[in-house]
Structures are given as C-alpha cells and as structure tokens.
Amino acid sequence: MKKIILIILFLSLISCNKYIVQNIYEKTYNNADVAIVDVYTNLHYYNVDSISLDDWITNDMSTDTISITQKTILKPISKNSVYSFVFSKYVYPSSLYYHFLIRFTGVKKDLQKQ
C-alpha cells in the first residue's frame, strides 16, 4: 500500500512541472517593412528589442533556385525555460516572403501571459 501511495505522489509531483514546447506567435508576410515592424513590436513586448536584427545568429541556406536566410535569438527566462525568436526570409524564383516565429520551451509556470 505504501508503494502505491508513493508512486501516486511521485507522479503528481512530476505532472505539476511539465516541460512544454509551444509556438506563441507565428506569422507570414509579403512585405519586408511590415514584417520588420511586427518583429520589433513583438520583441518590445518581450523586452529584447534592444538587440538589432543584424546582431542575431544568422543561418544562410541555398540551393540552385531557393535561398533561405534565418535569424535567431534566444531569451532565457529561467534555468529551464527559454523564448526563441526566429525570423526567416524565403527567396524563390517567383516569390519572396518572410516568416516570424516565437517559440517557448520550458516549464509552464515561466510562460509569459499575453
């Protein structure tokens, strides 16, 4: 009987602090100016707007016809939680668009309410 109570207690403690990965915000743009304004508006909300987009970690990927430039920055919230901000530029032969993503990874109690 004691083992069952200990197992139930252990499982309830584990479930209280679940590790989650959640997309907080995601949007696609056709206009660079609109994309940049929206990115900095969201960065201001999370208090990371002082870091210029040019200073983010950049990853360039390209093939014969497609080019993708991805810029990333992380904002640690605690030892176990972090916000990831990813701004991508997709260049195809016939189109160009931008994508912005805010992702939370960590424990639920650190998730900032919007």
PDB file of N, CA and C in Angstrom:
ATOM      1  N   MET A   1       0.817  -1.190   0.000  1.00  0.00           N
ATOM      2  CA  MET A   1       0.000   0.000   0.000  1.00  0.00           C
ATOM      3  C   MET A   1       0.865   1.261   0.000  1.00  0.00           C
ATOM      4  N   LYS A   2       1.956   1.240   0.751  1.00  0.00           N
ATOM      5  CA  LYS A   2       2.844   2.399   0.804  1.00  0.00           C
ATOM      6  C   LYS A   2       3.459   2.672  -0.558  1.00  0.00           C
ATOM      7  N   LYS A   3       3.767   1.619  -1.291  1.00  0.00           N
ATOM      8  CA  LYS A   3       4.365   1.789  -2.618  1.00  0.00           C
ATOM      9  C   LYS A   3       3.401   2.485  -3.566  1.00  0.00           C
ATOM     10  N   ILE A   4       2.142   2.124  -3.497  1.00  0.00           N
ATOM     11  CA  ILE A   4       1.142   2.732  -4.371  1.00  0.00           C
ATOM     12  C   ILE A   4       0.999   4.222  -4.046  1.00  0.00           C
ATOM     13  N   ILE A   5       0.971   4.561  -2.777  1.00  0.00           N
ATOM     14  CA  ILE A   5       0.859   5.960  -2.371  1.00  0.00           C
ATOM     15  C   ILE A   5       2.098   6.744  -2.814  1.00  0.00           C
ATOM     16  N   LEU A   6       3.262   6.171  -2.671  1.00  0.00           N
ATOM     17  CA  LEU A   6       4.491   6.831  -3.117  1.00  0.00           C
ATOM     18  C   LEU A   6       4.512   7.027  -4.633  1.00  0.00           C
ATOM     19  N   ILE A   7       4.061   6.044  -5.375  1.00  0.00           N
ATOM     20  CA  ILE A   7       4.008   6.158  -6.840  1.00  0.00           C
ATOM     21  C   ILE A   7       3.034   7.264  -7.247  1.00  0.00           C
ATOM     22  N   ILE A   8       1.871   7.302  -6.628  1.00  0.00           N
ATOM     23  CA  ILE A   8       0.878   8.338  -6.946  1.00  0.00           C
ATOM     24  C   ILE A   8       1.430   9.722  -6.589  1.00  0.00           C
ATOM     25  N   LEU A   9       2.065   9.839  -5.440  1.00  0.00           N
ATOM     26  CA  LEU A   9       2.667  11.104  -5.035  1.00  0.00           C
ATOM     27  C   LEU A   9       3.766  11.527  -6.007  1.00  0.00           C
ATOM     28  N   PHE A  10       4.606  10.598  -6.400  1.00  0.00           N
ATOM     29  CA  PHE A  10       5.688  10.882  -7.350  1.00  0.00           C
ATOM     30  C   PHE A  10       5.133  11.335  -8.695  1.00  0.00           C
ATOM     31  N   LEU A  11       4.129  10.651  -9.210  1.00  0.00           N
ATOM     32  CA  LEU A  11       3.525  11.028 -10.490  1.00  0.00           C
ATOM     33  C   LEU A  11       2.847  12.391 -10.425  1.00  0.00           C
ATOM     34  N   SER A  12       2.232  12.707  -9.308  1.00  0.00           N
ATOM     35  CA  SER A  12       1.584  14.022  -9.192  1.00  0.00           C
ATOM     36  C   SER A  12       2.614  15.142  -9.131  1.00  0.00           C
ATOM     37  N   LEU A  13       3.756  14.898  -8.516  1.00  0.00           N
ATOM     38  CA  LEU A  13       4.810  15.912  -8.473  1.00  0.00           C
ATOM     39  C   LEU A  13       5.423  16.137  -9.847  1.00  0.00           C
ATOM     40  N   ILE A  14       5.599  15.082 -10.588  1.00  0.00           N
ATOM     41  CA  ILE A  14       6.157  15.195 -11.937  1.00  0.00           C
ATOM     42  C   ILE A  14       5.205  15.957 -12.846  1.00  0.00           C
ATOM     43  N   SER A  15       3.928  15.681 -12.750  1.00  0.00           N
ATOM     44  CA  SER A  15       2.955  16.307 -13.648  1.00  0.00           C
ATOM     45  C   SER A  15       2.751  17.787 -13.361  1.00  0.00           C
ATOM     46  N   CYS A  16       3.134  18.269 -12.185  1.00  0.00           N
ATOM     47  CA  CYS A  16       2.949  19.676 -11.841  1.00  0.00           C
ATOM     48  C   CYS A  16       3.908  20.591 -12.605  1.00  0.00           C
ATOM     49  N   ASN A  17       5.007  20.088 -13.048  1.00  0.00           N
ATOM     50  CA  ASN A  17       6.022  20.921 -13.669  1.00  0.00           C
ATOM     51  C   ASN A  17       6.392  20.361 -15.041  1.00  0.00           C
ATOM     52  N   LYS A  18       5.424  20.252 -15.925  1.00  0.00           N
ATOM     53  CA  LYS A  18       5.653  19.669 -17.239  1.00  0.00           C
ATOM     54  C   LYS A  18       6.517  20.580 -18.105  1.00  0.00           C
ATOM     55  N   TYR A  19       7.374  19.954 -18.879  1.00  0.00           N
ATOM     56  CA  TYR A  19       8.225  20.649 -19.829  1.00  0.00           C
ATOM     57  C   TYR A  19       7.456  20.741 -21.137  1.00  0.00           C
ATOM     58  N   ILE A  20       7.265  21.953 -21.658  1.00  0.00           N
ATOM     59  CA  ILE A  20       6.458  22.131 -22.860  1.00  0.00           C
ATOM     60  C   ILE A  20       7.233  22.862 -23.946  1.00  0.00           C
ATOM     61  N   VAL A  21       6.814  22.645 -25.176  1.00  0.00           N
ATOM     62  CA  VAL A  21       7.286  23.403 -26.329  1.00  0.00           C
ATOM     63  C   VAL A  21       6.032  23.916 -27.016  1.00  0.00           C
ATOM     64  N   GLN A  22       5.939  25.235 -27.147  1.00  0.00           N
ATOM     65  CA  GLN A  22       4.719  25.827 -27.677  1.00  0.00           C
ATOM     66  C   GLN A  22       5.042  27.020 -28.553  1.00  0.00           C
ATOM     67  N   ASN A  23       4.455  27.064 -29.749  1.00  0.00           N
ATOM     68  CA  ASN A  23       4.574  28.249 -30.597  1.00  0.00           C
ATOM     69  C   ASN A  23       3.630  29.311 -30.041  1.00  0.00           C
ATOM     70  N   ILE A  24       4.205  30.446 -29.668  1.00  0.00           N
ATOM     71  CA  ILE A  24       3.425  31.533 -29.087  1.00  0.00           C
ATOM     72  C   ILE A  24       2.860  32.439 -30.179  1.00  0.00           C
ATOM     73  N   TYR A  25       3.644  32.677 -31.200  1.00  0.00           N
ATOM     74  CA  TYR A  25       3.248  33.602 -32.266  1.00  0.00           C
ATOM     75  C   TYR A  25       3.877  33.131 -33.565  1.00  0.00           C
ATOM     76  N   GLU A  26       3.113  33.184 -34.638  1.00  0.00           N
ATOM     77  CA  GLU A  26       3.638  32.783 -35.945  1.00  0.00           C
ATOM     78  C   GLU A  26       2.888  33.562 -37.022  1.00  0.00           C
ATOM     79  N   LYS A  27       3.658  34.179 -37.916  1.00  0.00           N
ATOM     80  CA  LYS A  27       3.029  34.970 -38.974  1.00  0.00           C
ATOM     81  C   LYS A  27       3.924  34.995 -40.206  1.00  0.00           C
ATOM     82  N   THR A  28       3.296  35.072 -41.380  1.00  0.00           N
ATOM     83  CA  THR A  28       3.992  35.145 -42.662  1.00  0.00           C
ATOM     84  C   THR A  28       3.650  36.484 -43.320  1.00  0.00           C
ATOM     85  N   TYR A  29       4.647  37.088 -43.973  1.00  0.00           N
ATOM     86  CA  TYR A  29       4.496  38.416 -44.566  1.00  0.00           C
ATOM     87  C   TYR A  29       4.992  38.411 -46.013  1.00  0.00           C
ATOM     88  N   ASN A  30       4.430  39.294 -46.813  1.00  0.00           N
ATOM     89  CA  ASN A  30       4.902  39.516 -48.181  1.00  0.00           C
ATOM     90  C   ASN A  30       5.700  40.809 -48.293  1.00  0.00           C
ATOM     91  N   ASN A  31       5.574  41.667 -47.320  1.00  0.00           N
ATOM     92  CA  ASN A  31       6.213  42.978 -47.332  1.00  0.00           C
ATOM     93  C   ASN A  31       7.267  43.038 -46.214  1.00  0.00           C
ATOM     94  N   ALA A  32       8.493  43.384 -46.560  1.00  0.00           N
ATOM     95  CA  ALA A  32       9.591  43.423 -45.589  1.00  0.00           C
ATOM     96  C   ALA A  32       9.363  44.477 -44.510  1.00  0.00           C
ATOM     97  N   ASP A  33       8.863  45.647 -44.888  1.00  0.00           N
ATOM     98  CA  ASP A  33       8.650  46.711 -43.910  1.00  0.00           C
ATOM     99  C   ASP A  33       7.617  46.322 -42.860  1.00  0.00           C
ATOM    100  N   VAL A  34       6.544  45.715 -43.296  1.00  0.00           N
ATOM    101  CA  VAL A  34       5.503  45.258 -42.368  1.00  0.00           C
ATOM    102  C   VAL A  34       6.066  44.178 -41.444  1.00  0.00           C
ATOM    103  N   ALA A  35       6.863  43.278 -41.995  1.00  0.00           N
ATOM    104  CA  ALA A  35       7.461  42.206 -41.208  1.00  0.00           C
ATOM    105  C   ALA A  35       8.377  42.762 -40.120  1.00  0.00           C
ATOM    106  N   ILE A  36       9.236  43.701 -40.481  1.00  0.00           N
ATOM    107  CA  ILE A  36      10.190  44.273 -39.524  1.00  0.00           C
ATOM    108  C   ILE A  36       9.463  45.014 -38.401  1.00  0.00           C
ATOM    109  N   VAL A  37       8.438  45.768 -38.739  1.00  0.00           N
ATOM    110  CA  VAL A  37       7.666  46.484 -37.718  1.00  0.00           C
ATOM    111  C   VAL A  37       7.006  45.489 -36.757  1.00  0.00           C
ATOM    112  N   ASP A  38       6.437  44.429 -37.287  1.00  0.00           N
ATOM    113  CA  ASP A  38       5.784  43.428 -36.439  1.00  0.00           C
ATOM    114  C   ASP A  38       6.796  42.693 -35.553  1.00  0.00           C
ATOM    115  N   VAL A  39       7.960  42.392 -36.109  1.00  0.00           N
ATOM    116  CA  VAL A  39       9.012  41.718 -35.333  1.00  0.00           C
ATOM    117  C   VAL A  39       9.412  42.589 -34.149  1.00  0.00           C
ATOM    118  N   TYR A  40       9.725  43.846 -34.391  1.00  0.00           N
ATOM    119  CA  TYR A  40      10.159  44.726 -33.311  1.00  0.00           C
ATOM    120  C   TYR A  40       9.041  45.040 -32.318  1.00  0.00           C
ATOM    121  N   THR A  41       7.799  45.040 -32.778  1.00  0.00           N
ATOM    122  CA  THR A  41       6.673  45.217 -31.857  1.00  0.00           C
ATOM    123  C   THR A  41       6.613  44.045 -30.877  1.00  0.00           C
ATOM    124  N   ASN A  42       6.766  42.834 -31.380  1.00  0.00           N
ATOM    125  CA  ASN A  42       6.760  41.660 -30.515  1.00  0.00           C
ATOM    126  C   ASN A  42       7.996  41.605 -29.624  1.00  0.00           C
ATOM    127  N   LEU A  43       9.144  41.993 -30.159  1.00  0.00           N
ATOM    128  CA  LEU A  43      10.365  41.997 -29.355  1.00  0.00           C
ATOM    129  C   LEU A  43      10.256  42.994 -28.196  1.00  0.00           C
ATOM    130  N   HIS A  44       9.613  44.119 -28.449  1.00  0.00           N
ATOM    131  CA  HIS A  44       9.411  45.114 -27.388  1.00  0.00           C
ATOM    132  C   HIS A  44       8.587  44.516 -26.248  1.00  0.00           C
ATOM    133  N   TYR A  45       7.568  43.747 -26.591  1.00  0.00           N
ATOM    134  CA  TYR A  45       6.721  43.115 -25.580  1.00  0.00           C
ATOM    135  C   TYR A  45       7.538  42.172 -24.688  1.00  0.00           C
ATOM    136  N   TYR A  46       8.506  41.471 -25.264  1.00  0.00           N
ATOM    137  CA  TYR A  46       9.333  40.513 -24.519  1.00  0.00           C
ATOM    138  C   TYR A  46      10.654  41.135 -24.033  1.00  0.00           C
ATOM    139  N   ASN A  47      10.800  42.441 -24.153  1.00  0.00           N
ATOM    140  CA  ASN A  47      11.981  43.183 -23.671  1.00  0.00           C
ATOM    141  C   ASN A  47      13.299  42.717 -24.290  1.00  0.00           C
ATOM    142  N   VAL A  48      13.296  42.432 -25.572  1.00  0.00           N
ATOM    143  CA  VAL A  48      14.543  42.114 -26.283  1.00  0.00           C
ATOM    144  C   VAL A  48      14.699  42.981 -27.528  1.00  0.00           C
ATOM    145  N   ASP A  49      13.987  44.099 -27.585  1.00  0.00           N
ATOM    146  CA  ASP A  49      14.042  44.962 -28.760  1.00  0.00           C
ATOM    147  C   ASP A  49      15.325  45.779 -28.835  1.00  0.00           C
ATOM    148  N   SER A  50      16.164  45.726 -27.830  1.00  0.00           N
ATOM    149  CA  SER A  50      17.421  46.473 -27.864  1.00  0.00           C
ATOM    150  C   SER A  50      18.486  45.776 -28.710  1.00  0.00           C
ATOM    151  N   ILE A  51      18.245  44.539 -29.089  1.00  0.00           N
ATOM    152  CA  ILE A  51      19.196  43.787 -29.916  1.00  0.00           C
ATOM    153  C   ILE A  51      18.755  43.889 -31.370  1.00  0.00           C
ATOM    154  N   SER A  52      19.586  44.492 -32.179  1.00  0.00           N
ATOM    155  CA  SER A  52      19.272  44.699 -33.591  1.00  0.00           C
ATOM    156  C   SER A  52      19.157  43.364 -34.328  1.00  0.00           C
ATOM    157  N   LEU A  53      18.281  43.322 -35.307  1.00  0.00           N
ATOM    158  CA  LEU A  53      18.095  42.119 -36.128  1.00  0.00           C
ATOM    159  C   LEU A  53      19.403  41.714 -36.814  1.00  0.00           C
ATOM    160  N   ASP A  54      20.262  42.669 -37.101  1.00  0.00           N
ATOM    161  CA  ASP A  54      21.551  42.379 -37.722  1.00  0.00           C
ATOM    162  C   ASP A  54      22.497  41.629 -36.788  1.00  0.00           C
ATOM    163  N   ASP A  55      22.264  41.713 -35.480  1.00  0.00           N
ATOM    164  CA  ASP A  55      23.127  41.053 -34.499  1.00  0.00           C
ATOM    165  C   ASP A  55      22.645  39.660 -34.103  1.00  0.00           C
ATOM    166  N   TRP A  56      21.535  39.217 -34.661  1.00  0.00           N
ATOM    167  CA  TRP A  56      21.019  37.888 -34.356  1.00  0.00           C
ATOM    168  C   TRP A  56      21.907  36.824 -35.008  1.00  0.00           C
ATOM    169  N   ILE A  57      21.840  35.597 -34.513  1.00  0.00           N
ATOM    170  CA  ILE A  57      22.570  34.478 -35.123  1.00  0.00           C
ATOM    171  C   ILE A  57      21.953  34.210 -36.487  1.00  0.00           C
ATOM    172  N   THR A  58      22.777  34.201 -37.525  1.00  0.00           N
ATOM    173  CA  THR A  58      22.284  34.053 -38.896  1.00  0.00           C
ATOM    174  C   THR A  58      22.679  32.706 -39.475  1.00  0.00           C
ATOM    175  N   ASN A  59      21.728  32.108 -40.177  1.00  0.00           N
ATOM    176  CA  ASN A  59      21.949  30.853 -40.863  1.00  0.00           C
ATOM    177  C   ASN A  59      21.469  31.021 -42.310  1.00  0.00           C
ATOM    178  N   ASP A  60      22.394  30.927 -43.266  1.00  0.00           N
ATOM    179  CA  ASP A  60      22.045  31.047 -44.682  1.00  0.00           C
ATOM    180  C   ASP A  60      22.033  29.672 -45.328  1.00  0.00           C
ATOM    181  N   MET A  61      20.943  29.366 -46.012  1.00  0.00           N
ATOM    182  CA  MET A  61      20.806  28.097 -46.729  1.00  0.00           C
ATOM    183  C   MET A  61      20.392  28.411 -48.158  1.00  0.00           C
ATOM    184  N   SER A  62      21.000  27.731 -49.115  1.00  0.00           N
ATOM    185  CA  SER A  62      20.611  27.986 -50.502  1.00  0.00           C
ATOM    186  C   SER A  62      20.838  26.751 -51.358  1.00  0.00           C
ATOM    187  N   THR A  63      20.031  26.682 -52.390  1.00  0.00           N
ATOM    188  CA  THR A  63      20.175  25.655 -53.422  1.00  0.00           C
ATOM    189  C   THR A  63      20.275  26.406 -54.747  1.00  0.00           C
ATOM    190  N   ASP A  64      20.081  25.700 -55.833  1.00  0.00           N
ATOM    191  CA  ASP A  64      20.150  26.346 -57.145  1.00  0.00           C
ATOM    192  C   ASP A  64      19.081  27.426 -57.327  1.00  0.00           C
ATOM    193  N   THR A  65      17.896  27.193 -56.768  1.00  0.00           N
ATOM    194  CA  THR A  65      16.798  28.121 -57.019  1.00  0.00           C
ATOM    195  C   THR A  65      16.213  28.762 -55.766  1.00  0.00           C
ATOM    196  N   ILE A  66      16.508  28.240 -54.598  1.00  0.00           N
ATOM    197  CA  ILE A  66      15.889  28.732 -53.371  1.00  0.00           C
ATOM    198  C   ILE A  66      16.964  29.216 -52.397  1.00  0.00           C
ATOM    199  N   SER A  67      16.671  30.337 -51.750  1.00  0.00           N
ATOM    200  CA  SER A  67      17.569  30.875 -50.731  1.00  0.00           C
ATOM    201  C   SER A  67      16.761  31.169 -49.467  1.00  0.00           C
ATOM    202  N   ILE A  68      17.260  30.707 -48.328  1.00  0.00           N
ATOM    203  CA  ILE A  68      16.605  30.944 -47.048  1.00  0.00           C
ATOM    204  C   ILE A  68      17.631  31.551 -46.096  1.00  0.00           C
ATOM    205  N   THR A  69      17.274  32.686 -45.520  1.00  0.00           N
ATOM    206  CA  THR A  69      18.102  33.317 -44.500  1.00  0.00           C
ATOM    207  C   THR A  69      17.290  33.316 -43.215  1.00  0.00           C
ATOM    208  N   GLN A  70      17.864  32.713 -42.198  1.00  0.00           N
ATOM    209  CA  GLN A  70      17.157  32.586 -40.929  1.00  0.00           C
ATOM    210  C   GLN A  70      17.967  33.270 -39.828  1.00  0.00           C
ATOM    211  N   LYS A  71      17.309  34.110 -39.066  1.00  0.00           N
ATOM    212  CA  LYS A  71      17.954  34.820 -37.952  1.00  0.00           C
ATOM    213  C   LYS A  71      17.270  34.386 -36.662  1.00  0.00           C
ATOM    214  N   THR A  72      18.092  34.085 -35.647  1.00  0.00           N
ATOM    215  CA  THR A  72      17.569  33.543 -34.395  1.00  0.00           C
ATOM    216  C   THR A  72      18.179  34.252 -33.196  1.00  0.00           C
ATOM    217  N   ILE A  73      17.356  34.436 -32.188  1.00  0.00           N
ATOM    218  CA  ILE A  73      17.829  34.943 -30.898  1.00  0.00           C
ATOM    219  C   ILE A  73      17.047  34.216 -29.808  1.00  0.00           C
ATOM    220  N   LEU A  74      17.703  33.994 -28.680  1.00  0.00           N
ATOM    221  CA  LEU A  74      17.086  33.314 -27.551  1.00  0.00           C
ATOM    222  C   LEU A  74      17.011  34.248 -26.358  1.00  0.00           C
ATOM    223  N   LYS A  75      15.939  34.132 -25.585  1.00  0.00           N
ATOM    224  CA  LYS A  75      15.811  34.888 -24.341  1.00  0.00           C
ATOM    225  C   LYS A  75      15.560  33.894 -23.208  1.00  0.00           C
ATOM    226  N   PRO A  76      16.582  33.636 -22.394  1.00  0.00           N
ATOM    227  CA  PRO A  76      16.388  32.734 -21.253  1.00  0.00           C
ATOM    228  C   PRO A  76      15.477  33.376 -20.203  1.00  0.00           C
ATOM    229  N   ILE A  77      14.554  32.602 -19.692  1.00  0.00           N
ATOM    230  CA  ILE A  77      13.640  33.072 -18.659  1.00  0.00           C
ATOM    231  C   ILE A  77      14.089  32.549 -17.295  1.00  0.00           C
ATOM    232  N   SER A  78      14.490  31.302 -17.260  1.00  0.00           N
ATOM    233  CA  SER A  78      14.987  30.672 -16.046  1.00  0.00           C
ATOM    234  C   SER A  78      15.960  29.572 -16.469  1.00  0.00           C
ATOM    235  N   LYS A  79      16.374  28.783 -15.513  1.00  0.00           N
ATOM    236  CA  LYS A  79      17.309  27.702 -15.805  1.00  0.00           C
ATOM    237  C   LYS A  79      16.718  26.710 -16.813  1.00  0.00           C
ATOM    238  N   ASN A  80      15.402  26.536 -16.776  1.00  0.00           N
ATOM    239  CA  ASN A  80      14.752  25.520 -17.605  1.00  0.00           C
ATOM    240  C   ASN A  80      13.885  26.075 -18.732  1.00  0.00           C
ATOM    241  N   SER A  81      13.782  27.379 -18.890  1.00  0.00           N
ATOM    242  CA  SER A  81      12.850  27.944 -19.860  1.00  0.00           C
ATOM    243  C   SER A  81      13.516  29.000 -20.736  1.00  0.00           C
ATOM    244  N   VAL A  82      13.094  29.048 -22.003  1.00  0.00           N
ATOM    245  CA  VAL A  82      13.676  29.995 -22.955  1.00  0.00           C
ATOM    246  C   VAL A  82      12.639  30.335 -24.033  1.00  0.00           C
ATOM    247  N   TYR A  83      12.681  31.589 -24.481  1.00  0.00           N
ATOM    248  CA  TYR A  83      11.916  32.013 -25.650  1.00  0.00           C
ATOM    249  C   TYR A  83      12.866  32.031 -26.841  1.00  0.00           C
ATOM    250  N   SER A  84      12.420  31.501 -27.977  1.00  0.00           N
ATOM    251  CA  SER A  84      13.188  31.534 -29.222  1.00  0.00           C
ATOM    252  C   SER A  84      12.451  32.434 -30.201  1.00  0.00           C
ATOM    253  N   PHE A  85      13.183  33.356 -30.800  1.00  0.00           N
ATOM    254  CA  PHE A  85      12.632  34.252 -31.814  1.00  0.00           C
ATOM    255  C   PHE A  85      13.334  33.928 -33.128  1.00  0.00           C
ATOM    256  N   VAL A  86      12.562  33.567 -34.148  1.00  0.00           N
ATOM    257  CA  VAL A  86      13.136  33.153 -35.431  1.00  0.00           C
ATOM    258  C   VAL A  86      12.496  33.979 -36.539  1.00  0.00           C
ATOM    259  N   PHE A  87      13.333  34.707 -37.276  1.00  0.00           N
ATOM    260  CA  PHE A  87      12.878  35.497 -38.414  1.00  0.00           C
ATOM    261  C   PHE A  87      13.526  34.927 -39.669  1.00  0.00           C
ATOM    262  N   SER A  88      12.695  34.536 -40.640  1.00  0.00           N
ATOM    263  CA  SER A  88      13.200  33.882 -41.845  1.00  0.00           C
ATOM    264  C   SER A  88      12.791  34.658 -43.090  1.00  0.00           C
ATOM    265  N   LYS A  89      13.689  34.634 -44.069  1.00  0.00           N
ATOM    266  CA  LYS A  89      13.421  35.245 -45.372  1.00  0.00           C
ATOM    267  C   LYS A  89      13.554  34.138 -46.417  1.00  0.00           C
ATOM    268  N   TYR A  90      12.498  33.909 -47.179  1.00  0.00           N
ATOM    269  CA  TYR A  90      12.467  32.869 -48.207  1.00  0.00           C
ATOM    270  C   TYR A  90      12.457  33.523 -49.576  1.00  0.00           C
ATOM    271  N   VAL A  91      13.434  33.195 -50.404  1.00  0.00           N
ATOM    272  CA  VAL A  91      13.519  33.754 -51.752  1.00  0.00           C
ATOM    273  C   VAL A  91      13.406  32.612 -52.746  1.00  0.00           C
ATOM    274  N   TYR A  92      12.304  32.609 -53.477  1.00  0.00           N
ATOM    275  CA  TYR A  92      12.069  31.643 -54.547  1.00  0.00           C
ATOM    276  C   TYR A  92      12.188  32.384 -55.876  1.00  0.00           C
ATOM    277  N   PRO A  93      12.328  31.679 -56.989  1.00  0.00           N
ATOM    278  CA  PRO A  93      12.440  32.379 -58.285  1.00  0.00           C
ATOM    279  C   PRO A  93      11.259  33.304 -58.593  1.00  0.00           C
ATOM    280  N   SER A  94      10.075  32.916 -58.140  1.00  0.00           N
ATOM    281  CA  SER A  94       8.908  33.737 -58.471  1.00  0.00           C
ATOM    282  C   SER A  94       8.292  34.446 -57.267  1.00  0.00           C
ATOM    283  N   SER A  95       8.849  34.277 -56.082  1.00  0.00           N
ATOM    284  CA  SER A  95       8.249  34.932 -54.916  1.00  0.00           C
ATOM    285  C   SER A  95       9.273  35.169 -53.803  1.00  0.00           C
ATOM    286  N   LEU A  96       8.880  36.040 -52.918  1.00  0.00           N
ATOM    287  CA  LEU A  96       9.697  36.398 -51.759  1.00  0.00           C
ATOM    288  C   LEU A  96       8.737  36.584 -50.590  1.00  0.00           C
ATOM    289  N   TYR A  97       9.016  35.923 -49.469  1.00  0.00           N
ATOM    290  CA  TYR A  97       8.207  36.166 -48.293  1.00  0.00           C
ATOM    291  C   TYR A  97       9.021  35.982 -47.025  1.00  0.00           C
ATOM    292  N   TYR A  98       8.445  36.470 -45.908  1.00  0.00           N
ATOM    293  CA  TYR A  98       9.108  36.476 -44.613  1.00  0.00           C
ATOM    294  C   TYR A  98       8.237  35.718 -43.616  1.00  0.00           C
ATOM    295  N   HIS A  99       8.876  35.149 -42.629  1.00  0.00           N
ATOM    296  CA  HIS A  99       8.162  34.377 -41.614  1.00  0.00           C
ATOM    297  C   HIS A  99       8.768  34.690 -40.243  1.00  0.00           C
ATOM    298  N   PHE A 100       7.904  34.914 -39.253  1.00  0.00           N
ATOM    299  CA  PHE A 100       8.368  35.202 -37.894  1.00  0.00           C
ATOM    300  C   PHE A 100       7.701  34.236 -36.928  1.00  0.00           C
ATOM    301  N   LEU A 101       8.511  33.684 -36.015  1.00  0.00           N
ATOM    302  CA  LEU A 101       8.024  32.683 -35.068  1.00  0.00           C
ATOM    303  C   LEU A 101       8.583  32.979 -33.682  1.00  0.00           C
ATOM    304  N   ILE A 102       7.704  32.915 -32.679  1.00  0.00           N
ATOM    305  CA  ILE A 102       8.122  32.977 -31.286  1.00  0.00           C
ATOM    306  C   ILE A 102       7.742  31.638 -30.667  1.00  0.00           C
ATOM    307  N   ARG A 103       8.734  30.957 -30.105  1.00  0.00           N
ATOM    308  CA  ARG A 103       8.504  29.634 -29.525  1.00  0.00           C
ATOM    309  C   ARG A 103       8.974  29.630 -28.071  1.00  0.00           C
ATOM    310  N   PHE A 104       8.144  29.079 -27.202  1.00  0.00           N
ATOM    311  CA  PHE A 104       8.501  28.908 -25.795  1.00  0.00           C
ATOM    312  C   PHE A 104       8.867  27.457 -25.559  1.00  0.00           C
ATOM    313  N   THR A 105       9.981  27.246 -24.862  1.00  0.00           N
ATOM    314  CA  THR A 105      10.411  25.911 -24.477  1.00  0.00           C
ATOM    315  C   THR A 105      10.746  25.967 -22.994  1.00  0.00           C
ATOM    316  N   GLY A 106      10.079  25.146 -22.201  1.00  0.00           N
ATOM    317  CA  GLY A 106      10.381  25.137 -20.775  1.00  0.00           C
ATOM    318  C   GLY A 106       9.221  24.679 -19.934  1.00  0.00           C
ATOM    319  N   VAL A 107       9.223  25.128 -18.679  1.00  0.00           N
ATOM    320  CA  VAL A 107       8.167  24.759 -17.751  1.00  0.00           C
ATOM    321  C   VAL A 107       7.034  25.773 -17.828  1.00  0.00           C
ATOM    322  N   LYS A 108       5.820  25.283 -17.653  1.00  0.00           N
ATOM    323  CA  LYS A 108       4.629  26.094 -17.871  1.00  0.00           C
ATOM    324  C   LYS A 108       4.565  27.329 -16.965  1.00  0.00           C
ATOM    325  N   LYS A 109       5.088  27.241 -15.757  1.00  0.00           N
ATOM    326  CA  LYS A 109       4.996  28.378 -14.826  1.00  0.00           C
ATOM    327  C   LYS A 109       5.788  29.595 -15.311  1.00  0.00           C
ATOM    328  N   ASP A 110       6.769  29.396 -16.209  1.00  0.00           N
ATOM    329  CA  ASP A 110       7.563  30.511 -16.744  1.00  0.00           C
ATOM    330  C   ASP A 110       6.947  31.154 -17.978  1.00  0.00           C
ATOM    331  N   LEU A 111       5.901  30.572 -18.511  1.00  0.00           N
ATOM    332  CA  LEU A 111       5.271  31.085 -19.728  1.00  0.00           C
ATOM    333  C   LEU A 111       4.633  32.441 -19.454  1.00  0.00           C
ATOM    334  N   GLN A 112       5.066  33.466 -20.199  1.00  0.00           N
ATOM    335  CA  GLN A 112       4.569  34.828 -20.036  1.00  0.00           C
ATOM    336  C   GLN A 112       3.192  34.943 -20.663  1.00  0.00           C
ATOM    337  N   LYS A 113       2.269  35.510 -19.956  1.00  0.00           N
ATOM    338  CA  LYS A 113       0.898  35.695 -20.465  1.00  0.00           C
ATOM    339  C   LYS A 113       0.856  36.872 -21.412  1.00  0.00           C
ATOM    340  N   GLN A 114       0.081  36.722 -22.487  1.00  0.00           N
ATOM    341  CA  GLN A 114      -0.088  37.824 -23.435  1.00  0.00           C
ATOM    342  C   GLN A 114      -1.450  38.427 -23.314  1.00  0.00           C
TER     343      GLN A 114
END
